[in-house]
Every structure is written in C-alpha cells, then in structure tokens.
ModelCIF file with pLDDT and N, C-alpha, C, O atoms, coordinates in Angstrom:
data_MODEL
#
_entry.id   MODEL 
#
_entity.id                         1 
_entity.type                       polymer 
_entity.pdbx_number_of_molecules   1 
#
_entity_poly.entity_id                      1 
_entity_poly.type                           'polypeptide(L)' 
_entity_poly.nstd_linkage                   no 
_entity_poly.nstd_monomer                   no 
_entity_poly.pdbx_seq_one_letter_code       LAELLKEKKVLLFTLRQKLKTMQLTNPNEIKEVRRDIARINTAI 
_entity_poly.pdbx_seq_one_letter_code_can   LAELLKEKKVLLFTLRQKLKTMQLTNPNEIKEVRRDIARINTAI 
_entity_poly.pdbx_strand_id                 A 
#
loop_
_entity_poly_seq.entity_id 
_entity_poly_seq.num 
_entity_poly_seq.mon_id 
_entity_poly_seq.hetero 
1 1  LEU n 
1 2  ALA n 
1 3  GLU n 
1 4  LEU n 
1 5  LEU n 
1 6  LYS n 
1 7  GLU n 
1 8  LYS n 
1 9  LYS n 
1 10 VAL n 
1 11 LEU n 
1 12 LEU n 
1 13 PHE n 
1 14 THR n 
1 15 LEU n 
1 16 ARG n 
1 17 GLN n 
1 18 LYS n 
1 19 LEU n 
1 20 LYS n 
1 21 THR n 
1 22 MET n 
1 23 GLN n 
1 24 LEU n 
1 25 THR n 
1 26 ASN n 
1 27 PRO n 
1 28 ASN n 
1 29 GLU n 
1 30 ILE n 
1 31 LYS n 
1 32 GLU n 
1 33 VAL n 
1 34 ARG n 
1 35 ARG n 
1 36 ASP n 
1 37 ILE n 
1 38 ALA n 
1 39 ARG n 
1 40 ILE n 
1 41 ASN n 
1 42 THR n 
1 43 ALA n 
1 44 ILE n 
#
_struct_asym.id          A 
_struct_asym.entity_id   1 
#
loop_
_ma_qa_metric.id 
_ma_qa_metric.mode 
_ma_qa_metric.name 
_ma_qa_metric.software_group_id 
_ma_qa_metric.type 
1 global pLDDT . pLDDT 
2 local  pLDDT . pLDDT 
#
_ma_qa_metric_global.metric_id      1 
_ma_qa_metric_global.metric_value   95.98 
_ma_qa_metric_global.model_id       1 
_ma_qa_metric_global.ordinal_id     1 
#
loop_
_ma_qa_metric_local.label_asym_id 
_ma_qa_metric_local.label_comp_id 
_ma_qa_metric_local.label_seq_id 
_ma_qa_metric_local.metric_id 
_ma_qa_metric_local.metric_value 
_ma_qa_metric_local.model_id 
_ma_qa_metric_local.ordinal_id 
A LEU 1  2 95.00 1 1  
A ALA 2  2 96.00 1 2  
A GLU 3  2 97.00 1 3  
A LEU 4  2 96.00 1 4  
A LEU 5  2 97.00 1 5  
A LYS 6  2 98.00 1 6  
A GLU 7  2 97.00 1 7  
A LYS 8  2 97.00 1 8  
A LYS 9  2 98.00 1 9  
A VAL 10 2 98.00 1 10 
A LEU 11 2 97.00 1 11 
A LEU 12 2 98.00 1 12 
A PHE 13 2 98.00 1 13 
A THR 14 2 97.00 1 14 
A LEU 15 2 97.00 1 15 
A ARG 16 2 96.00 1 16 
A GLN 17 2 96.00 1 17 
A LYS 18 2 96.00 1 18 
A LEU 19 2 95.00 1 19 
A LYS 20 2 95.00 1 20 
A THR 21 2 95.00 1 21 
A MET 22 2 94.00 1 22 
A GLN 23 2 95.00 1 23 
A LEU 24 2 92.00 1 24 
A THR 25 2 93.00 1 25 
A ASN 26 2 94.00 1 26 
A PRO 27 2 93.00 1 27 
A ASN 28 2 96.00 1 28 
A GLU 29 2 96.00 1 29 
A ILE 30 2 97.00 1 30 
A LYS 31 2 97.00 1 31 
A GLU 32 2 97.00 1 32 
A VAL 33 2 97.00 1 33 
A ARG 34 2 97.00 1 34 
A ARG 35 2 97.00 1 35 
A ASP 36 2 96.00 1 36 
A ILE 37 2 97.00 1 37 
A ALA 38 2 96.00 1 38 
A ARG 39 2 96.00 1 39 
A ILE 40 2 96.00 1 40 
A ASN 41 2 96.00 1 41 
A THR 42 2 94.00 1 42 
A ALA 43 2 94.00 1 43 
A ILE 44 2 94.00 1 44 
#
loop_
_atom_site.group_PDB 
_atom_site.id 
_atom_site.type_symbol 
_atom_site.label_atom_id 
_atom_site.label_alt_id 
_atom_site.label_comp_id 
_atom_site.label_asym_id 
_atom_site.label_entity_id 
_atom_site.label_seq_id 
_atom_site.pdbx_PDB_ins_code 
_atom_site.Cartn_x 
_atom_site.Cartn_y 
_atom_site.Cartn_z 
_atom_site.occupancy 
_atom_site.B_iso_or_equiv 
_atom_site.pdbx_formal_charge 
_atom_site.auth_seq_id 
_atom_site.auth_comp_id 
_atom_site.auth_asym_id 
_atom_site.auth_atom_id 
_atom_site.pdbx_PDB_model_num 
ATOM 1   N N  . LEU A 1 1  ? -11.256 -3.022  34.970 1.00 95.00 ? 1  LEU A N  1 
ATOM 2   C CA . LEU A 1 1  ? -10.618 -2.493  33.757 1.00 95.00 ? 1  LEU A CA 1 
ATOM 3   C C  . LEU A 1 1  ? -9.214  -1.983  34.057 1.00 95.00 ? 1  LEU A C  1 
ATOM 4   O O  . LEU A 1 1  ? -8.303  -2.173  33.251 1.00 95.00 ? 1  LEU A O  1 
ATOM 5   N N  . ALA A 1 2  ? -9.030  -1.348  35.189 1.00 96.00 ? 2  ALA A N  1 
ATOM 6   C CA . ALA A 1 2  ? -7.704  -0.844  35.560 1.00 96.00 ? 2  ALA A CA 1 
ATOM 7   C C  . ALA A 1 2  ? -6.725  -1.994  35.762 1.00 96.00 ? 2  ALA A C  1 
ATOM 8   O O  . ALA A 1 2  ? -5.570  -1.905  35.347 1.00 96.00 ? 2  ALA A O  1 
ATOM 9   N N  . GLU A 1 3  ? -7.176  -3.065  36.392 1.00 97.00 ? 3  GLU A N  1 
ATOM 10  C CA . GLU A 1 3  ? -6.323  -4.235  36.603 1.00 97.00 ? 3  GLU A CA 1 
ATOM 11  C C  . GLU A 1 3  ? -5.971  -4.895  35.267 1.00 97.00 ? 3  GLU A C  1 
ATOM 12  O O  . GLU A 1 3  ? -4.830  -5.302  35.049 1.00 97.00 ? 3  GLU A O  1 
ATOM 13  N N  . LEU A 1 4  ? -6.951  -4.994  34.388 1.00 96.00 ? 4  LEU A N  1 
ATOM 14  C CA . LEU A 1 4  ? -6.717  -5.588  33.072 1.00 96.00 ? 4  LEU A CA 1 
ATOM 15  C C  . LEU A 1 4  ? -5.747  -4.739  32.260 1.00 96.00 ? 4  LEU A C  1 
ATOM 16  O O  . LEU A 1 4  ? -4.894  -5.271  31.549 1.00 96.00 ? 4  LEU A O  1 
ATOM 17  N N  . LEU A 1 5  ? -5.876  -3.420  32.366 1.00 97.00 ? 5  LEU A N  1 
ATOM 18  C CA . LEU A 1 5  ? -4.974  -2.514  31.666 1.00 97.00 ? 5  LEU A CA 1 
ATOM 19  C C  . LEU A 1 5  ? -3.544  -2.689  32.162 1.00 97.00 ? 5  LEU A C  1 
ATOM 20  O O  . LEU A 1 5  ? -2.602  -2.704  31.369 1.00 97.00 ? 5  LEU A O  1 
ATOM 21  N N  . LYS A 1 6  ? -3.388  -2.818  33.458 1.00 98.00 ? 6  LYS A N  1 
ATOM 22  C CA . LYS A 1 6  ? -2.056  -3.018  34.043 1.00 98.00 ? 6  LYS A CA 1 
ATOM 23  C C  . LYS A 1 6  ? -1.432  -4.318  33.531 1.00 98.00 ? 6  LYS A C  1 
ATOM 24  O O  . LYS A 1 6  ? -0.253  -4.351  33.179 1.00 98.00 ? 6  LYS A O  1 
ATOM 25  N N  . GLU A 1 7  ? -2.228  -5.386  33.491 1.00 97.00 ? 7  GLU A N  1 
ATOM 26  C CA . GLU A 1 7  ? -1.724  -6.678  33.005 1.00 97.00 ? 7  GLU A CA 1 
ATOM 27  C C  . GLU A 1 7  ? -1.294  -6.597  31.548 1.00 97.00 ? 7  GLU A C  1 
ATOM 28  O O  . GLU A 1 7  ? -0.262  -7.149  31.168 1.00 97.00 ? 7  GLU A O  1 
ATOM 29  N N  . LYS A 1 8  ? -2.086  -5.908  30.734 1.00 97.00 ? 8  LYS A N  1 
ATOM 30  C CA . LYS A 1 8  ? -1.766  -5.804  29.308 1.00 97.00 ? 8  LYS A CA 1 
ATOM 31  C C  . LYS A 1 8  ? -0.518  -4.967  29.079 1.00 97.00 ? 8  LYS A C  1 
ATOM 32  O O  . LYS A 1 8  ? 0.261   -5.254  28.170 1.00 97.00 ? 8  LYS A O  1 
ATOM 33  N N  . LYS A 1 9  ? -0.319  -3.938  29.888 1.00 98.00 ? 9  LYS A N  1 
ATOM 34  C CA . LYS A 1 9  ? 0.876   -3.115  29.734 1.00 98.00 ? 9  LYS A CA 1 
ATOM 35  C C  . LYS A 1 9  ? 2.129   -3.885  30.116 1.00 98.00 ? 9  LYS A C  1 
ATOM 36  O O  . LYS A 1 9  ? 3.175   -3.730  29.486 1.00 98.00 ? 9  LYS A O  1 
ATOM 37  N N  . VAL A 1 10 ? 2.025   -4.713  31.146 1.00 98.00 ? 10 VAL A N  1 
ATOM 38  C CA . VAL A 1 10 ? 3.160   -5.554  31.529 1.00 98.00 ? 10 VAL A CA 1 
ATOM 39  C C  . VAL A 1 10 ? 3.438   -6.573  30.427 1.00 98.00 ? 10 VAL A C  1 
ATOM 40  O O  . VAL A 1 10 ? 4.595   -6.838  30.100 1.00 98.00 ? 10 VAL A O  1 
ATOM 41  N N  . LEU A 1 11 ? 2.384   -7.139  29.860 1.00 97.00 ? 11 LEU A N  1 
ATOM 42  C CA . LEU A 1 11 ? 2.539   -8.095  28.764 1.00 97.00 ? 11 LEU A CA 1 
ATOM 43  C C  . LEU A 1 11 ? 3.204   -7.437  27.557 1.00 97.00 ? 11 LEU A C  1 
ATOM 44  O O  . LEU A 1 11 ? 4.076   -8.033  26.923 1.00 97.00 ? 11 LEU A O  1 
ATOM 45  N N  . LEU A 1 12 ? 2.792   -6.211  27.240 1.00 98.00 ? 12 LEU A N  1 
ATOM 46  C CA . LEU A 1 12 ? 3.396   -5.487  26.124 1.00 98.00 ? 12 LEU A CA 1 
ATOM 47  C C  . LEU A 1 12 ? 4.884   -5.249  26.378 1.00 98.00 ? 12 LEU A C  1 
ATOM 48  O O  . LEU A 1 12 ? 5.699   -5.384  25.465 1.00 98.00 ? 12 LEU A O  1 
ATOM 49  N N  . PHE A 1 13 ? 5.235   -4.900  27.602 1.00 98.00 ? 13 PHE A N  1 
ATOM 50  C CA . PHE A 1 13 ? 6.640   -4.683  27.946 1.00 98.00 ? 13 PHE A CA 1 
ATOM 51  C C  . PHE A 1 13 ? 7.451   -5.961  27.736 1.00 98.00 ? 13 PHE A C  1 
ATOM 52  O O  . PHE A 1 13 ? 8.534   -5.923  27.152 1.00 98.00 ? 13 PHE A O  1 
ATOM 53  N N  . THR A 1 14 ? 6.927   -7.090  28.212 1.00 97.00 ? 14 THR A N  1 
ATOM 54  C CA . THR A 1 14 ? 7.666   -8.350  28.064 1.00 97.00 ? 14 THR A CA 1 
ATOM 55  C C  . THR A 1 14 ? 7.770   -8.771  26.601 1.00 97.00 ? 14 THR A C  1 
ATOM 56  O O  . THR A 1 14 ? 8.791   -9.317  26.183 1.00 97.00 ? 14 THR A O  1 
ATOM 57  N N  . LEU A 1 15 ? 6.720   -8.521  25.824 1.00 97.00 ? 15 LEU A N  1 
ATOM 58  C CA . LEU A 1 15 ? 6.779   -8.861  24.401 1.00 97.00 ? 15 LEU A CA 1 
ATOM 59  C C  . LEU A 1 15 ? 7.827   -8.023  23.680 1.00 97.00 ? 15 LEU A C  1 
ATOM 60  O O  . LEU A 1 15 ? 8.537   -8.525  22.810 1.00 97.00 ? 15 LEU A O  1 
ATOM 61  N N  . ARG A 1 16 ? 7.923   -6.742  24.042 1.00 96.00 ? 16 ARG A N  1 
ATOM 62  C CA . ARG A 1 16 ? 8.928   -5.882  23.411 1.00 96.00 ? 16 ARG A CA 1 
ATOM 63  C C  . ARG A 1 16 ? 10.340  -6.321  23.787 1.00 96.00 ? 16 ARG A C  1 
ATOM 64  O O  . ARG A 1 16 ? 11.256  -6.251  22.967 1.00 96.00 ? 16 ARG A O  1 
ATOM 65  N N  . GLN A 1 17 ? 10.514  -6.771  25.024 1.00 96.00 ? 17 GLN A N  1 
ATOM 66  C CA . GLN A 1 17 ? 11.824  -7.266  25.435 1.00 96.00 ? 17 GLN A CA 1 
ATOM 67  C C  . GLN A 1 17 ? 12.176  -8.537  24.679 1.00 96.00 ? 17 GLN A C  1 
ATOM 68  O O  . GLN A 1 17 ? 13.320  -8.714  24.262 1.00 96.00 ? 17 GLN A O  1 
ATOM 69  N N  . LYS A 1 18 ? 11.209  -9.416  24.499 1.00 96.00 ? 18 LYS A N  1 
ATOM 70  C CA . LYS A 1 18 ? 11.452  -10.645 23.738 1.00 96.00 ? 18 LYS A CA 1 
ATOM 71  C C  . LYS A 1 18 ? 11.773  -10.340 22.284 1.00 96.00 ? 18 LYS A C  1 
ATOM 72  O O  . LYS A 1 18 ? 12.583  -11.032 21.667 1.00 96.00 ? 18 LYS A O  1 
ATOM 73  N N  . LEU A 1 19 ? 11.140  -9.304  21.732 1.00 95.00 ? 19 LEU A N  1 
ATOM 74  C CA . LEU A 1 19 ? 11.417  -8.919  20.351 1.00 95.00 ? 19 LEU A CA 1 
ATOM 75  C C  . LEU A 1 19 ? 12.860  -8.441  20.203 1.00 95.00 ? 19 LEU A C  1 
ATOM 76  O O  . LEU A 1 19 ? 13.532  -8.764  19.224 1.00 95.00 ? 19 LEU A O  1 
ATOM 77  N N  . LYS A 1 20 ? 13.324  -7.676  21.176 1.00 95.00 ? 20 LYS A N  1 
ATOM 78  C CA . LYS A 1 20 ? 14.697  -7.165  21.110 1.00 95.00 ? 20 LYS A CA 1 
ATOM 79  C C  . LYS A 1 20 ? 15.736  -8.266  21.256 1.00 95.00 ? 20 LYS A C  1 
ATOM 80  O O  . LYS A 1 20 ? 16.827  -8.177  20.693 1.00 95.00 ? 20 LYS A O  1 
ATOM 81  N N  . THR A 1 21 ? 15.397  -9.302  22.011 1.00 95.00 ? 21 THR A N  1 
ATOM 82  C CA . THR A 1 21 ? 16.354  -10.392 22.208 1.00 95.00 ? 21 THR A CA 1 
ATOM 83  C C  . THR A 1 21 ? 16.127  -11.550 21.241 1.00 95.00 ? 21 THR A C  1 
ATOM 84  O O  . THR A 1 21 ? 16.704  -12.626 21.397 1.00 95.00 ? 21 THR A O  1 
ATOM 85  N N  . MET A 1 22 ? 15.283  -11.315 20.248 1.00 94.00 ? 22 MET A N  1 
ATOM 86  C CA . MET A 1 22 ? 15.003  -12.295 19.181 1.00 94.00 ? 22 MET A CA 1 
ATOM 87  C C  . MET A 1 22 ? 14.374  -13.587 19.721 1.00 94.00 ? 22 MET A C  1 
ATOM 88  O O  . MET A 1 22 ? 14.619  -14.664 19.179 1.00 94.00 ? 22 MET A O  1 
ATOM 89  N N  . GLN A 1 23 ? 13.572  -13.487 20.779 1.00 95.00 ? 23 GLN A N  1 
ATOM 90  C CA . GLN A 1 23 ? 12.895  -14.648 21.329 1.00 95.00 ? 23 GLN A CA 1 
ATOM 91  C C  . GLN A 1 23 ? 11.419  -14.693 20.930 1.00 95.00 ? 23 GLN A C  1 
ATOM 92  O O  . GLN A 1 23 ? 10.736  -15.682 21.195 1.00 95.00 ? 23 GLN A O  1 
ATOM 93  N N  . LEU A 1 24 ? 10.933  -13.646 20.305 1.00 92.00 ? 24 LEU A N  1 
ATOM 94  C CA . LEU A 1 24 ? 9.523   -13.564 19.933 1.00 92.00 ? 24 LEU A CA 1 
ATOM 95  C C  . LEU A 1 24 ? 9.322   -14.217 18.576 1.00 92.00 ? 24 LEU A C  1 
ATOM 96  O O  . LEU A 1 24 ? 9.941   -13.814 17.592 1.00 92.00 ? 24 LEU A O  1 
ATOM 97  N N  . THR A 1 25 ? 8.459   -15.221 18.520 1.00 93.00 ? 25 THR A N  1 
ATOM 98  C CA . THR A 1 25 ? 8.243   -15.926 17.261 1.00 93.00 ? 25 THR A CA 1 
ATOM 99  C C  . THR A 1 25 ? 7.172   -15.267 16.409 1.00 93.00 ? 25 THR A C  1 
ATOM 100 O O  . THR A 1 25 ? 7.227   -15.353 15.182 1.00 93.00 ? 25 THR A O  1 
ATOM 101 N N  . ASN A 1 26 ? 6.194   -14.606 17.034 1.00 94.00 ? 26 ASN A N  1 
ATOM 102 C CA . ASN A 1 26 ? 5.115   -13.969 16.292 1.00 94.00 ? 26 ASN A CA 1 
ATOM 103 C C  . ASN A 1 26 ? 5.033   -12.491 16.663 1.00 94.00 ? 26 ASN A C  1 
ATOM 104 O O  . ASN A 1 26 ? 4.454   -12.154 17.695 1.00 94.00 ? 26 ASN A O  1 
ATOM 105 N N  . PRO A 1 27 ? 5.594   -11.609 15.854 1.00 93.00 ? 27 PRO A N  1 
ATOM 106 C CA . PRO A 1 27 ? 5.580   -10.189 16.194 1.00 93.00 ? 27 PRO A CA 1 
ATOM 107 C C  . PRO A 1 27 ? 4.189   -9.556  16.124 1.00 93.00 ? 27 PRO A C  1 
ATOM 108 O O  . PRO A 1 27 ? 4.002   -8.434  16.595 1.00 93.00 ? 27 PRO A O  1 
ATOM 109 N N  . ASN A 1 28 ? 3.217   -10.253 15.548 1.00 96.00 ? 28 ASN A N  1 
ATOM 110 C CA . ASN A 1 28 ? 1.861   -9.714  15.492 1.00 96.00 ? 28 ASN A CA 1 
ATOM 111 C C  . ASN A 1 28 ? 1.200   -9.678  16.867 1.00 96.00 ? 28 ASN A C  1 
ATOM 112 O O  . ASN A 1 28 ? 0.183   -9.008  17.048 1.00 96.00 ? 28 ASN A O  1 
ATOM 113 N N  . GLU A 1 29 ? 1.764   -10.386 17.825 1.00 96.00 ? 29 GLU A N  1 
ATOM 114 C CA . GLU A 1 29 ? 1.232   -10.366 19.184 1.00 96.00 ? 29 GLU A CA 1 
ATOM 115 C C  . GLU A 1 29 ? 1.305   -8.957  19.766 1.00 96.00 ? 29 GLU A C  1 
ATOM 116 O O  . GLU A 1 29 ? 0.424   -8.552  20.523 1.00 96.00 ? 29 GLU A O  1 
ATOM 117 N N  . ILE A 1 30 ? 2.336   -8.222  19.421 1.00 97.00 ? 30 ILE A N  1 
ATOM 118 C CA . ILE A 1 30 ? 2.505   -6.857  19.921 1.00 97.00 ? 30 ILE A CA 1 
ATOM 119 C C  . ILE A 1 30 ? 1.349   -5.990  19.428 1.00 97.00 ? 30 ILE A C  1 
ATOM 120 O O  . ILE A 1 30 ? 0.796   -5.195  20.188 1.00 97.00 ? 30 ILE A O  1 
ATOM 121 N N  . LYS A 1 31 ? 0.992   -6.140  18.182 1.00 97.00 ? 31 LYS A N  1 
ATOM 122 C CA . LYS A 1 31 ? -0.102  -5.362  17.601 1.00 97.00 ? 31 LYS A CA 1 
ATOM 123 C C  . LYS A 1 31 ? -1.423  -5.679  18.297 1.00 97.00 ? 31 LYS A C  1 
ATOM 124 O O  . LYS A 1 31 ? -2.213  -4.776  18.574 1.00 97.00 ? 31 LYS A O  1 
ATOM 125 N N  . GLU A 1 32 ? -1.661  -6.938  18.575 1.00 97.00 ? 32 GLU A N  1 
ATOM 126 C CA . GLU A 1 32 ? -2.906  -7.338  19.230 1.00 97.00 ? 32 GLU A CA 1 
ATOM 127 C C  . GLU A 1 32 ? -2.992  -6.776  20.654 1.00 97.00 ? 32 GLU A C  1 
ATOM 128 O O  . GLU A 1 32 ? -4.054  -6.322  21.079 1.00 97.00 ? 32 GLU A O  1 
ATOM 129 N N  . VAL A 1 33 ? -1.887  -6.806  21.380 1.00 97.00 ? 33 VAL A N  1 
ATOM 130 C CA . VAL A 1 33 ? -1.878  -6.293  22.758 1.00 97.00 ? 33 VAL A CA 1 
ATOM 131 C C  . VAL A 1 33 ? -2.083  -4.790  22.753 1.00 97.00 ? 33 VAL A C  1 
ATOM 132 O O  . VAL A 1 33 ? -2.789  -4.261  23.611 1.00 97.00 ? 33 VAL A O  1 
ATOM 133 N N  . ARG A 1 34 ? -1.476  -4.090  21.797 1.00 97.00 ? 34 ARG A N  1 
ATOM 134 C CA . ARG A 1 34 ? -1.658  -2.644  21.704 1.00 97.00 ? 34 ARG A CA 1 
ATOM 135 C C  . ARG A 1 34 ? -3.117  -2.301  21.421 1.00 97.00 ? 34 ARG A C  1 
ATOM 136 O O  . ARG A 1 34 ? -3.649  -1.334  21.968 1.00 97.00 ? 34 ARG A O  1 
ATOM 137 N N  . ARG A 1 35 ? -3.752  -3.080  20.581 1.00 97.00 ? 35 ARG A N  1 
ATOM 138 C CA . ARG A 1 35 ? -5.163  -2.851  20.287 1.00 97.00 ? 35 ARG A CA 1 
ATOM 139 C C  . ARG A 1 35 ? -6.039  -3.153  21.500 1.00 97.00 ? 35 ARG A C  1 
ATOM 140 O O  . ARG A 1 35 ? -7.026  -2.458  21.742 1.00 97.00 ? 35 ARG A O  1 
ATOM 141 N N  . ASP A 1 36 ? -5.684  -4.182  22.258 1.00 96.00 ? 36 ASP A N  1 
ATOM 142 C CA . ASP A 1 36 ? -6.427  -4.494  23.476 1.00 96.00 ? 36 ASP A CA 1 
ATOM 143 C C  . ASP A 1 36 ? -6.322  -3.343  24.478 1.00 96.00 ? 36 ASP A C  1 
ATOM 144 O O  . ASP A 1 36 ? -7.302  -2.989  25.133 1.00 96.00 ? 36 ASP A O  1 
ATOM 145 N N  . ILE A 1 37 ? -5.126  -2.763  24.591 1.00 97.00 ? 37 ILE A N  1 
ATOM 146 C CA . ILE A 1 37 ? -4.930  -1.631  25.489 1.00 97.00 ? 37 ILE A CA 1 
ATOM 147 C C  . ILE A 1 37 ? -5.802  -0.455  25.052 1.00 97.00 ? 37 ILE A C  1 
ATOM 148 O O  . ILE A 1 37 ? -6.397  0.224   25.888 1.00 97.00 ? 37 ILE A O  1 
ATOM 149 N N  . ALA A 1 38 ? -5.875  -0.221  23.763 1.00 96.00 ? 38 ALA A N  1 
ATOM 150 C CA . ALA A 1 38 ? -6.715  0.867   23.249 1.00 96.00 ? 38 ALA A CA 1 
ATOM 151 C C  . ALA A 1 38 ? -8.187  0.608   23.537 1.00 96.00 ? 38 ALA A C  1 
ATOM 152 O O  . ALA A 1 38 ? -8.926  1.533   23.874 1.00 96.00 ? 38 ALA A O  1 
ATOM 153 N N  . ARG A 1 39 ? -8.616  -0.638  23.407 1.00 96.00 ? 39 ARG A N  1 
ATOM 154 C CA . ARG A 1 39 ? -10.006 -0.975  23.705 1.00 96.00 ? 39 ARG A CA 1 
ATOM 155 C C  . ARG A 1 39 ? -10.323 -0.758  25.188 1.00 96.00 ? 39 ARG A C  1 
ATOM 156 O O  . ARG A 1 39 ? -11.392 -0.255  25.535 1.00 96.00 ? 39 ARG A O  1 
ATOM 157 N N  . ILE A 1 40 ? -9.392  -1.139  26.047 1.00 96.00 ? 40 ILE A N  1 
ATOM 158 C CA . ILE A 1 40 ? -9.594  -0.950  27.486 1.00 96.00 ? 40 ILE A CA 1 
ATOM 159 C C  . ILE A 1 40 ? -9.665  0.530   27.823 1.00 96.00 ? 40 ILE A C  1 
ATOM 160 O O  . ILE A 1 40 ? -10.510 0.948   28.615 1.00 96.00 ? 40 ILE A O  1 
ATOM 161 N N  . ASN A 1 41 ? -8.781  1.325   27.223 1.00 96.00 ? 41 ASN A N  1 
ATOM 162 C CA . ASN A 1 41 ? -8.810  2.770   27.458 1.00 96.00 ? 41 ASN A CA 1 
ATOM 163 C C  . ASN A 1 41 ? -10.115 3.383   26.966 1.00 96.00 ? 41 ASN A C  1 
ATOM 164 O O  . ASN A 1 41 ? -10.637 4.305   27.593 1.00 96.00 ? 41 ASN A O  1 
ATOM 165 N N  . THR A 1 42 ? -10.643 2.891   25.863 1.00 94.00 ? 42 THR A N  1 
ATOM 166 C CA . THR A 1 42 ? -11.924 3.373   25.351 1.00 94.00 ? 42 THR A CA 1 
ATOM 167 C C  . THR A 1 42 ? -13.044 3.039   26.324 1.00 94.00 ? 42 THR A C  1 
ATOM 168 O O  . THR A 1 42 ? -13.916 3.871   26.576 1.00 94.00 ? 42 THR A O  1 
ATOM 169 N N  . ALA A 1 43 ? -13.028 1.833   26.872 1.00 94.00 ? 43 ALA A N  1 
ATOM 170 C CA . ALA A 1 43 ? -14.062 1.433   27.833 1.00 94.00 ? 43 ALA A CA 1 
ATOM 171 C C  . ALA A 1 43 ? -13.979 2.285   29.100 1.00 94.00 ? 43 ALA A C  1 
ATOM 172 O O  . ALA A 1 43 ? -15.005 2.658   29.669 1.00 94.00 ? 43 ALA A O  1 
ATOM 173 N N  . ILE A 1 44 ? -12.762 2.591   29.539 1.00 94.00 ? 44 ILE A N  1 
ATOM 174 C CA . ILE A 1 44 ? -12.598 3.422   30.740 1.00 94.00 ? 44 ILE A CA 1 
ATOM 175 C C  . ILE A 1 44 ? -13.127 4.829   30.489 1.00 94.00 ? 44 ILE A C  1 
ATOM 176 O O  . ILE A 1 44 ? -13.077 5.676   31.381 1.00 94.00 ? 44 ILE A O  1 
#
C-alpha cells in the first residue's frame, strides 16, 4: 500500500504539471487519482 501510494502521488504530480502546461487532455484523471489516494489512505 505504501508503494502504491507513492506511485499515485507521483502520478498526481505529473498530471498537475501537464495541466499547467496545457498537455492534459482529460482533466478528470486528476480527480480519479485523488480518489485513489484517498482509498489507499483509508486502507492504510
């Protein structure tokens, strides 16, 4: 779970960077990753 949480946080960081540089085509991906992080934290 800790490894998965780390991967999701890195993914969230890269998605936010892509959003700022207008490279992100689907901004809903950020919402899904944030929810995944919350689920992982709940499991922990």
